[in-house]
Each structure stands twice: as C-alpha cells, then as structure tokens.
Amino acid sequence: MNAPEHRPDCLAATARPVARRRRRVRTVLLGTALVATLLAWLLREPLRHLIFEKGVLANDAPAIGLVEEMIEQAADRPTALLAAWNTGKIVHREAAMNEVSRAIPIAKPLPAEIETMVLAGSLDPDLDAREVALGILRDHSDPALAAVAAAQLRDLDPQVRLLGLESLKGVSANVGVPTVVALLEDSDPLIVATALRLLEHWSGAEFGVKVADTVPIENEKSGSKEFREDSRAKASAGARRAQAWWAKHEAGFPPINLEVPPATFAAQRPILAGDFQLPDLDGRKVRLSDFRGKVVLLNFWTTWCTACVSEMPELIALQKRHLDRLAILGVSLDFVPDEEHDAKLPSPEQIHRKVARIAKARGINYPILLDERNTVGGRFNGGELPTTVIIDAAGRIRRRFVGARSLPAFEAMIAEASQPLHPAAKTIQPPGFQ
C-alpha cells in the first residue's frame, strides 16, 4: 500500500499553528521585556539608593559626609539614621546623630526610637556624639535633659564636665543651683568659674570671678595649654563666697533627685574597636590585637598639629608610668591631604623621615604607626586632631575625644578602662569587623 501523498495545502495547514505559537511566544517575551524595562525604570531610584545604602553601611571608614548624604536621600530618613547608628561604627554613629536635627523639626517631639538613640548618645563613649545628643535634647526641650546633663558633671574628663554645665544653662534655678553647687570644689579652675557664672545667673548674686581669668593659655615654649598662676586662687576665692551664699539659701531649694532614664544606659555598651595592621617607623607590621590584654590608647596626630606635639610629654610620661598595663600607639596621619596644610604632599619617603625626626627629637617611647591610606584614621574619624581613642583589654572602645588632655585626666581614663564594665553592659560588635 502506497504511503499517502503530502500535499502542499496540508503542509501549510500544519505550519500555521506553529507560526501562531511562535508569535505568541515572541509576544509574551516582548511583553515581559517591556514590563521588566518599565519596572526597572520605575524602581531605578529605589534600587540605586538601596545599593548605595548597603555600600555605605558596610564601609568601615566612609567620609562622614557620605553617610549623611545616604541618610538625607533615604525615603524614610529616621529609619536610615537608626540603621547607621546601629552599625556600631564611629563615623556612622556620628553622622546619624548629626542627622537627627535635620530629619526631625525642632517643633516636633522626638519619635520614641529616635529619643532612645539620642539618650544613649548623651552618655556615649564618643564625646562628639555626646555633645550633639545633648544639643538635640536641649533643642527639643526633652524632659530628660537635666538628668543626663547632671550625669556629665560626675565624669572624670574635665571637658565632659564643662559640657554638662553648658547643657544646664536653660534649666530652672530650683534644678540648676543644687546640681551645680557640687562643682565648687572641682580641681579644675575653669570648671569652678563656669559653675560660678551659672550660679550668678540663677541667684542674682556676684561671686567676683571671670571665666576669662581661668581659661588655660598656651605656653610659648612647650605649646601646651596651662592655667595662669593666679587662676586657682581666684577660682577658690569665688567658690568660698558662693559656698557662703549657699549656706544661707540652701533651705530655700527643695531636694531634687535627677534620675537618668533607663534607656540612656545603652550608652554604657561600648563597641569593639576591630583589628587593624599598620607599619611602624622601622617597617614592622603592628596589629592592634598584638596588645590584647592591655589598655590601648590610640593617638592620631600629625607633625604640623601644634596641639598634637604639645601633648606628647603627657603621653610619654603616661607610657612610662603604666608600661605594664598600657600600650600607646601614635598613629601619624601626615600622609592624609589637608585643606590648610600640605595641599601638595611631599613624597612618602619625605613624610616618613619627617615623622621619624619628630619622634626622635621628642623622645617618644611608644610605637609610631604610619597610616598612609587613612584606613585607621578614617575608621575612627581621626581627621580632627589630636584624636584619642581608649580601648580596654578586651578590645572595647571606652572613650573617644578630640583635643589634648592633662596627665591626671589621662591616668583617670586609663584606670577607668582597666575596670570591668557595668554589669548590665553588653558589647556591640560592628558587622564586618574582625
């Protein structure tokens, strides 16, 4: 039996459904492509910002302006600044605190989560974050301001006590007078004089001391800041007059109990510093973890920073006194371009020699590390000089501040960092840090 003959009309009939299916597939593919293109176009900004945000949050040492830009571009700025704060990284936390005032108008109360963050910042190990946080609480007339400002007055750093006095300016006399009287016996003449000025404001009395008489002045030979010879005597005389006034008027001030809100104690949870490695002047690689078990003081400095060089004698004496439990690491940022100094940097070899000359001339007895790419300075936001970071034996940041300190202040901070954390403290480890 012969096979059936395939006629052209049968072939055409078979081909038509195949063609239709192919057209449908092409139509579906084209439609899918168009939808994908449309979605990509519609979502391009959210996707771009998401990638930008993830990158900034993951960066250990971004410029602080970059973190602020990320927060400002976010669709939900409060959520973005909380995300930056919760990274546990110094630069991100400072940027987050800076952005609160831009994200939340002063006329509006702080949202609960933001208020908790700001309260934590008011006792943060980073003094820059503290200062901004206290300003935010003042601007928003937060009811916790008086309590957290008073807490600063018990701090061992004179600059923190001054910050606390500054933050109490707007409180009532009934709150301020009993709180500030305790500082009349402070060892720092400038703190006593500042306290006296506040007491004069609240009481209307005069105690005969000018703050200008107690401001430290620069020693022309050493470059360090020192009190005038009569500063302490003038502050003490004014304090005696104020104490006599207080003895007569104390009964007119009811006892006051300023309790810091529990949320504020989140500030007692220091973050891990993370490890790093830098070369010393001899080219040896030095790691932060090499000193685990000791308190570490990181001192960021440059050869052109007068305040940096002037505090070196205190650091040398500090290292000599506490060699068994303290490691000081001087991190030179001379390689980092600066707007005012070295707009055109010398060669790395020239910078190396200059740093070595200063170290030798000053008799520095602790390692000097060279941060050629600003990887460590960027992480600890060491652009303001001198910047000091104190890290305890377990690698937790206890303090970060800008500006020189006296030897007694340094010793008090080292003793503090040698003590256990508050029992309720829980260390925050920044994501990605080792």
Protein backbone atom coordinates (compact mmCIF):
# COMPACT_ATOMS: atom_id res chain seq x y z
CA MET A 1 0.00 0.00 0.00
CA ASN A 2 1.45 3.29 -1.03
CA ALA A 3 2.12 6.00 1.59
CA PRO A 4 -0.25 8.96 1.47
CA GLU A 5 0.98 11.80 -0.56
CA HIS A 6 1.67 15.05 1.39
CA ARG A 7 0.07 17.87 -0.42
CA PRO A 8 1.17 21.50 -0.16
CA ASP A 9 -2.13 22.57 1.39
CA CYS A 10 -1.58 20.06 4.28
CA LEU A 11 1.89 21.45 4.92
CA ALA A 12 0.53 24.96 5.04
CA ALA A 13 -2.20 23.94 7.47
CA THR A 14 0.39 22.38 9.81
CA ALA A 15 2.69 25.40 9.64
CA ARG A 16 0.03 27.93 10.61
CA PRO A 17 -0.42 26.77 14.25
CA VAL A 18 3.37 26.62 14.70
CA ALA A 19 3.72 30.15 13.43
CA ARG A 20 0.95 31.34 15.71
CA ARG A 21 2.63 29.69 18.71
CA ARG A 22 5.91 31.35 17.81
CA ARG A 23 4.21 34.72 17.51
CA ARG A 24 2.57 34.22 20.89
CA VAL A 25 5.95 33.31 22.46
CA ARG A 26 7.55 36.38 20.88
CA THR A 27 4.67 38.50 22.12
CA VAL A 28 4.99 37.12 25.65
CA LEU A 29 8.75 37.60 25.63
CA LEU A 30 8.39 41.10 24.28
CA GLY A 31 5.75 41.91 26.87
CA THR A 32 7.89 40.50 29.66
CA ALA A 33 10.84 42.54 28.46
CA LEU A 34 8.69 45.67 28.31
CA VAL A 35 7.34 45.05 31.82
CA ALA A 36 10.84 44.41 33.14
CA THR A 37 12.08 47.57 31.47
CA LEU A 38 9.16 49.55 32.86
CA LEU A 39 9.70 48.17 36.37
CA ALA A 40 13.42 48.86 36.18
CA TRP A 41 12.65 52.42 35.08
CA LEU A 42 10.10 52.93 37.84
CA LEU A 43 12.30 51.37 40.52
CA ARG A 44 15.63 52.71 39.34
CA GLU A 45 15.92 55.31 42.12
CA PRO A 46 14.87 52.99 44.99
CA LEU A 47 17.23 50.29 43.69
CA ARG A 48 20.06 52.74 43.24
CA HIS A 49 19.58 54.09 46.76
CA LEU A 50 19.32 50.58 48.22
CA ILE A 51 22.66 49.67 46.66
CA PHE A 52 24.12 52.99 47.83
CA GLU A 53 22.81 52.49 51.37
CA LYS A 54 24.10 48.91 51.65
CA GLY A 55 27.51 50.00 50.41
CA VAL A 56 27.77 52.93 52.84
CA LEU A 57 26.63 50.86 55.83
CA ALA A 58 29.14 48.12 55.00
CA ASN A 59 32.03 50.57 54.62
CA ASP A 60 34.23 50.64 57.74
CA ALA A 61 35.73 54.07 57.03
CA PRO A 62 33.50 56.25 54.81
CA ALA A 63 33.65 60.04 54.85
CA ILE A 64 31.12 61.29 57.38
CA GLY A 65 29.50 63.41 54.66
CA LEU A 66 28.84 60.29 52.60
CA VAL A 67 26.88 58.70 55.47
CA GLU A 68 24.93 61.92 55.97
CA GLU A 69 24.14 62.00 52.24
CA MET A 70 22.87 58.42 52.40
CA ILE A 71 20.53 59.32 55.25
CA GLU A 72 19.29 62.52 53.58
CA GLN A 73 18.47 60.69 50.33
CA ALA A 74 16.51 57.94 52.09
CA ALA A 75 12.74 57.80 51.62
CA ASP A 76 12.46 57.12 55.37
CA ARG A 77 15.16 59.23 57.00
CA PRO A 78 14.50 58.21 60.64
CA THR A 79 14.85 54.53 59.67
CA ALA A 80 18.04 55.27 57.74
CA LEU A 81 19.68 57.15 60.58
CA LEU A 82 18.76 54.38 63.03
CA ALA A 83 20.35 51.89 60.63
CA ALA A 84 23.53 53.99 60.59
CA TRP A 85 23.56 54.27 64.40
CA ASN A 86 23.05 50.54 64.83
CA THR A 87 26.10 49.63 62.73
CA GLY A 88 28.17 50.30 65.83
CA LYS A 89 30.73 52.22 63.74
CA ILE A 90 32.03 55.57 64.94
CA VAL A 91 31.68 57.52 61.69
CA HIS A 92 28.18 56.16 61.02
CA ARG A 93 27.04 56.91 64.58
CA GLU A 94 28.30 60.49 64.43
CA ALA A 95 26.57 61.00 61.09
CA ALA A 96 23.33 59.54 62.45
CA MET A 97 23.40 61.88 65.44
CA ASN A 98 24.11 64.87 63.17
CA GLU A 99 21.11 63.98 61.00
CA VAL A 100 18.54 63.88 63.82
CA SER A 101 18.10 67.66 63.83
CA ARG A 102 17.71 67.66 60.04
CA ALA A 103 15.22 64.81 59.99
CA ILE A 104 13.08 65.85 62.99
CA PRO A 105 11.99 69.52 63.12
CA ILE A 106 12.58 71.19 66.48
CA ALA A 107 8.88 71.99 66.77
CA LYS A 108 8.06 68.26 66.82
CA PRO A 109 8.78 65.82 69.67
CA LEU A 110 11.36 63.12 69.04
CA PRO A 111 9.85 59.78 67.98
CA ALA A 112 10.33 57.12 70.67
CA GLU A 113 13.06 55.17 68.85
CA ILE A 114 14.97 58.33 67.97
CA GLU A 115 14.68 59.62 71.54
CA THR A 116 16.11 56.34 72.84
CA MET A 117 19.02 56.68 70.41
CA VAL A 118 19.68 60.28 71.46
CA LEU A 119 19.50 59.40 75.15
CA ALA A 120 22.04 56.65 74.53
CA GLY A 121 24.21 59.16 72.70
CA SER A 122 24.17 61.53 75.67
CA LEU A 123 26.46 59.11 77.54
CA ASP A 124 28.23 57.66 74.52
CA PRO A 125 31.94 56.76 74.68
CA ASP A 126 32.41 59.19 71.77
CA LEU A 127 32.43 62.74 73.12
CA ASP A 128 31.44 64.19 69.75
CA ALA A 129 28.27 62.08 69.77
CA ARG A 130 27.56 63.18 73.36
CA GLU A 131 27.80 66.85 72.52
CA VAL A 132 25.42 66.60 69.58
CA ALA A 133 22.98 64.42 71.56
CA LEU A 134 22.80 66.91 74.43
CA GLY A 135 22.17 69.71 71.95
CA ILE A 136 19.28 67.75 70.42
CA LEU A 137 17.71 67.14 73.85
CA ARG A 138 18.03 70.86 74.62
CA ASP A 139 16.54 71.97 71.30
CA HIS A 140 13.57 69.62 71.70
CA SER A 141 13.06 70.58 75.37
CA ASP A 142 13.32 66.91 76.28
CA PRO A 143 12.34 66.26 79.93
CA ALA A 144 15.41 64.03 80.40
CA LEU A 145 17.88 66.83 79.60
CA ALA A 146 18.51 67.94 83.20
CA ALA A 147 19.22 64.39 84.37
CA VAL A 148 21.61 63.45 81.58
CA ALA A 149 23.33 66.86 81.77
CA ALA A 150 23.83 66.39 85.52
CA ALA A 151 25.31 62.95 84.81
CA GLN A 152 28.09 64.66 82.82
CA LEU A 153 29.13 66.56 85.95
CA ARG A 154 30.27 63.30 87.54
CA ASP A 155 32.52 62.37 84.61
CA LEU A 156 36.27 62.13 85.13
CA ASP A 157 37.05 64.14 81.95
CA PRO A 158 37.05 67.91 82.65
CA GLN A 159 35.79 68.60 79.12
CA VAL A 160 32.75 66.42 79.75
CA ARG A 161 32.01 68.25 82.98
CA LEU A 162 32.17 71.55 81.10
CA LEU A 163 29.79 70.10 78.52
CA GLY A 164 27.38 69.19 81.30
CA LEU A 165 27.48 72.75 82.69
CA GLU A 166 26.83 74.17 79.23
CA SER A 167 23.82 71.86 78.85
CA LEU A 168 22.31 73.02 82.15
CA LYS A 169 22.08 76.68 81.16
CA GLY A 170 18.40 76.53 80.30
CA VAL A 171 17.10 74.68 83.37
CA SER A 172 15.32 76.39 86.26
CA ALA A 173 17.15 77.66 89.35
CA ASN A 174 15.44 75.03 91.52
CA VAL A 175 17.06 72.33 89.39
CA GLY A 176 20.32 74.04 88.47
CA VAL A 177 21.54 75.52 91.74
CA PRO A 178 21.55 72.33 93.86
CA THR A 179 23.05 70.41 90.93
CA VAL A 180 25.92 72.79 90.21
CA VAL A 181 26.94 73.59 93.80
CA ALA A 182 28.82 70.28 93.98
CA LEU A 183 31.31 71.55 91.37
CA LEU A 184 32.53 74.42 93.56
CA GLU A 185 35.18 72.03 94.88
CA ASP A 186 36.29 70.82 91.46
CA SER A 187 40.06 70.67 90.88
CA ASP A 188 39.76 72.46 87.52
CA PRO A 189 39.62 76.29 87.88
CA LEU A 190 37.75 76.72 84.59
CA ILE A 191 35.01 74.34 85.74
CA VAL A 192 34.68 76.21 89.05
CA ALA A 193 34.47 79.57 87.26
CA THR A 194 31.88 78.23 84.81
CA ALA A 195 29.81 76.86 87.69
CA LEU A 196 30.03 80.23 89.44
CA ARG A 197 28.74 82.04 86.36
CA LEU A 198 25.71 79.74 86.23
CA LEU A 199 25.06 80.26 89.94
CA GLU A 200 25.22 84.02 89.41
CA HIS A 201 22.68 83.70 86.60
CA TRP A 202 20.25 81.73 88.76
CA SER A 203 20.78 83.57 92.06
CA GLY A 204 21.40 87.16 91.01
CA ALA A 205 24.44 87.25 93.33
CA GLU A 206 28.01 88.06 92.29
CA PHE A 207 31.00 85.94 93.30
CA GLY A 208 33.77 88.01 91.75
CA VAL A 209 35.31 85.58 89.24
CA LYS A 210 35.57 85.97 85.48
CA VAL A 211 35.67 82.86 83.31
CA ALA A 212 38.38 84.55 81.23
CA ASP A 213 40.65 84.56 84.29
CA THR A 214 40.63 80.76 84.41
CA VAL A 215 40.89 79.83 80.73
CA PRO A 216 44.17 77.96 80.06
CA ILE A 217 46.66 79.82 77.89
CA GLU A 218 49.30 78.41 75.55
CA ASN A 219 52.82 78.06 76.89
CA GLU A 220 55.05 79.72 74.26
CA LYS A 221 57.89 77.25 74.85
CA SER A 222 56.04 73.93 75.07
CA GLY A 223 52.89 74.79 73.13
CA SER A 224 50.74 73.16 75.84
CA LYS A 225 47.75 74.84 77.49
CA GLU A 226 48.35 75.87 81.10
CA PHE A 227 46.42 77.75 83.77
CA ARG A 228 47.70 81.15 84.87
CA GLU A 229 49.44 81.29 88.24
CA ASP A 230 46.51 83.04 89.92
CA SER A 231 43.71 81.02 88.24
CA ARG A 232 43.30 78.54 91.07
CA ALA A 233 43.43 81.23 93.76
CA LYS A 234 40.75 83.31 92.03
CA ALA A 235 38.52 80.27 91.48
CA SER A 236 38.92 79.17 95.10
CA ALA A 237 38.08 82.64 96.44
CA GLY A 238 34.93 82.79 94.30
CA ALA A 239 33.95 79.27 95.39
CA ARG A 240 34.21 80.25 99.07
CA ARG A 241 31.91 83.23 98.50
CA ALA A 242 29.42 81.01 96.65
CA GLN A 243 29.50 78.39 99.41
CA ALA A 244 28.77 81.08 101.98
CA TRP A 245 25.80 82.20 99.87
CA TRP A 246 24.62 78.57 99.58
CA ALA A 247 24.82 78.06 103.34
CA LYS A 248 22.33 80.92 103.77
CA HIS A 249 19.97 79.91 100.96
CA GLU A 250 20.11 76.12 100.84
CA ALA A 251 16.88 75.79 102.82
CA GLY A 252 15.04 77.61 100.02
CA PHE A 253 15.84 74.88 97.50
CA PRO A 254 13.89 71.64 97.86
CA PRO A 255 15.86 68.41 97.48
CA ILE A 256 16.00 67.22 93.89
CA ASN A 257 16.52 63.75 92.53
CA LEU A 258 17.52 63.67 88.87
CA GLU A 259 17.19 60.11 87.57
CA VAL A 260 18.64 59.25 84.21
CA PRO A 261 16.08 57.32 82.09
CA PRO A 262 16.98 53.62 81.86
CA ALA A 263 17.28 53.83 78.06
CA THR A 264 20.23 56.16 78.49
CA PHE A 265 22.38 53.35 79.86
CA ALA A 266 22.56 51.88 76.38
CA ALA A 267 25.49 54.31 76.10
CA GLN A 268 27.41 52.10 78.52
CA ARG A 269 27.61 49.43 75.85
CA PRO A 270 30.89 50.12 74.05
CA ILE A 271 31.60 48.72 70.63
CA LEU A 272 34.52 46.56 69.60
CA ALA A 273 37.33 48.51 68.02
CA GLY A 274 38.06 45.83 65.43
CA ASP A 275 41.57 44.80 64.45
CA PHE A 276 43.92 46.61 62.08
CA GLN A 277 47.51 46.47 60.90
CA LEU A 278 49.90 49.35 60.17
CA PRO A 279 53.67 49.62 59.70
CA ASP A 280 55.84 51.31 62.32
CA LEU A 281 58.79 53.58 61.56
CA ASP A 282 61.03 50.54 61.05
CA GLY A 283 58.61 48.89 58.64
CA ARG A 284 57.42 46.23 61.09
CA LYS A 285 53.72 45.36 60.89
CA VAL A 286 51.90 46.18 64.11
CA ARG A 287 48.41 44.86 64.82
CA LEU A 288 46.01 46.22 67.41
CA SER A 289 45.35 42.63 68.55
CA ASP A 290 49.05 42.31 69.47
CA PHE A 291 48.20 44.27 72.62
CA ARG A 292 45.12 42.35 73.69
CA GLY A 293 45.19 42.10 77.49
CA LYS A 294 46.36 45.71 77.89
CA VAL A 295 44.55 49.01 77.70
CA VAL A 296 45.40 50.65 74.36
CA LEU A 297 45.48 54.40 73.77
CA LEU A 298 45.33 55.34 70.09
CA ASN A 299 46.61 58.85 69.49
CA PHE A 300 46.01 60.28 65.99
CA TRP A 301 48.38 63.13 65.22
CA THR A 302 50.40 64.97 62.56
CA THR A 303 53.73 66.78 62.65
CA TRP A 304 52.07 70.11 61.79
CA CYS A 305 49.46 69.87 64.57
CA THR A 306 50.73 72.05 67.45
CA ALA A 307 48.29 70.60 69.97
CA CYS A 308 49.34 67.07 68.96
CA VAL A 309 53.01 67.73 69.52
CA SER A 310 52.43 69.67 72.75
CA GLU A 311 50.62 66.74 74.42
CA MET A 312 53.41 64.28 73.66
CA PRO A 313 55.18 64.86 77.03
CA GLU A 314 51.99 63.74 78.83
CA LEU A 315 51.77 60.62 76.65
CA ILE A 316 55.46 59.83 77.18
CA ALA A 317 55.05 60.16 80.96
CA LEU A 318 51.84 58.13 80.85
CA GLN A 319 53.52 55.27 78.97
CA LYS A 320 56.50 55.32 81.35
CA ARG A 321 54.26 55.12 84.44
CA HIS A 322 51.99 52.36 83.12
CA LEU A 323 54.20 50.24 80.90
CA ASP A 324 52.82 47.02 82.43
CA ARG A 325 49.16 47.64 81.60
CA LEU A 326 49.08 50.33 78.89
CA ALA A 327 50.12 50.40 75.23
CA ILE A 328 50.13 53.78 73.50
CA LEU A 329 50.10 53.77 69.69
CA GLY A 330 50.74 57.06 67.95
CA VAL A 331 49.11 56.96 64.50
CA SER A 332 50.55 59.54 62.09
CA LEU A 333 48.09 60.99 59.58
CA ASP A 334 50.74 63.10 57.82
CA PHE A 335 50.05 61.16 54.63
CA VAL A 336 46.45 62.40 54.50
CA PRO A 337 45.88 65.57 52.39
CA ASP A 338 44.62 68.54 54.38
CA GLU A 339 42.97 71.73 53.15
CA GLU A 340 45.21 74.02 55.19
CA HIS A 341 48.43 72.02 55.35
CA ASP A 342 50.37 70.21 52.66
CA ALA A 343 47.91 70.80 49.82
CA LYS A 344 50.62 69.17 47.74
CA LEU A 345 52.02 66.40 49.90
CA PRO A 346 55.73 65.59 49.94
CA SER A 347 56.77 62.12 48.86
CA PRO A 348 56.04 59.22 51.24
CA GLU A 349 59.77 58.94 51.92
CA GLN A 350 59.97 62.61 52.91
CA ILE A 351 56.93 62.28 55.19
CA HIS A 352 58.41 59.16 56.77
CA ARG A 353 61.67 60.98 57.54
CA LYS A 354 59.83 64.00 58.96
CA VAL A 355 57.71 61.86 61.29
CA ALA A 356 60.81 59.93 62.39
CA ARG A 357 62.64 63.19 63.17
CA ILE A 358 59.81 64.44 65.37
CA ALA A 359 59.59 61.09 67.18
CA LYS A 360 63.33 61.10 67.87
CA ALA A 361 63.50 64.77 68.85
CA ARG A 362 60.60 64.37 71.29
CA GLY A 363 61.95 61.16 72.80
CA ILE A 364 58.77 59.23 72.09
CA ASN A 365 58.79 55.91 73.95
CA TYR A 366 55.80 54.28 72.23
CA PRO A 367 55.33 52.94 68.68
CA ILE A 368 54.58 55.43 65.91
CA LEU A 369 52.48 53.89 63.14
CA LEU A 370 52.13 55.23 59.60
CA ASP A 371 48.58 55.35 58.27
CA GLU A 372 49.46 56.02 54.64
CA ARG A 373 45.96 55.38 53.26
CA ASN A 374 43.95 56.74 56.20
CA THR A 375 42.34 53.35 56.72
CA VAL A 376 42.56 53.52 60.52
CA GLY A 377 42.16 57.28 60.83
CA GLY A 378 39.07 57.04 58.63
CA ARG A 379 37.57 54.30 60.77
CA PHE A 380 37.98 56.28 63.99
CA ASN A 381 37.20 59.62 62.33
CA GLY A 382 40.63 60.92 63.24
CA GLY A 383 40.52 63.92 60.91
CA GLU A 384 40.14 66.30 63.87
CA LEU A 385 43.42 66.40 65.75
CA PRO A 386 44.57 65.25 68.14
CA THR A 387 42.02 62.45 68.40
CA THR A 388 42.36 59.90 71.19
CA VAL A 389 40.62 56.54 71.40
CA ILE A 390 40.93 54.43 74.55
CA ILE A 391 40.34 50.70 74.14
CA ASP A 392 40.15 48.29 77.05
CA ALA A 393 41.95 44.95 77.41
CA ALA A 394 39.07 43.12 75.68
CA GLY A 395 39.19 45.39 72.62
CA ARG A 396 36.16 47.55 73.53
CA ILE A 397 36.10 51.29 72.92
CA ARG A 398 35.76 53.12 76.24
CA ARG A 399 36.41 56.69 75.14
CA ARG A 400 36.94 58.79 72.04
CA PHE A 401 37.60 62.51 72.18
CA VAL A 402 39.30 65.35 70.32
CA GLY A 403 41.83 67.66 71.95
CA ALA A 404 44.69 67.38 74.41
CA ARG A 405 44.22 66.24 78.00
CA SER A 406 46.37 66.60 81.11
CA LEU A 407 48.35 63.72 82.58
CA PRO A 408 45.93 63.34 85.57
CA ALA A 409 42.97 63.17 83.16
CA PHE A 410 44.71 60.53 81.05
CA GLU A 411 45.55 58.49 84.14
CA ALA A 412 41.95 58.60 85.34
CA MET A 413 40.73 57.37 81.95
CA ILE A 414 43.27 54.51 81.89
CA ALA A 415 42.20 53.49 85.40
CA GLU A 416 38.56 53.58 84.28
CA ALA A 417 39.29 51.43 81.22
CA SER A 418 41.07 48.91 83.46
CA GLN A 419 37.87 48.33 85.44
CA PRO A 420 35.08 45.91 84.43
CA LEU A 421 32.10 47.24 82.55
CA HIS A 422 28.81 47.94 84.27
CA PRO A 423 27.11 44.54 84.91
CA ALA A 424 24.26 45.47 82.57
CA ALA A 425 26.60 46.41 79.74
CA LYS A 426 26.56 44.33 76.60
CA THR A 427 29.18 44.79 73.93
CA ILE A 428 28.05 45.74 70.44
CA GLN A 429 30.14 44.22 67.67
CA PRO A 430 30.01 46.16 64.41
CA PRO A 431 29.09 43.92 61.45
CA GLY A 432 32.10 43.01 59.35
CA PHE A 433 34.68 43.90 61.98
CA GLN A 434 37.21 41.26 62.96
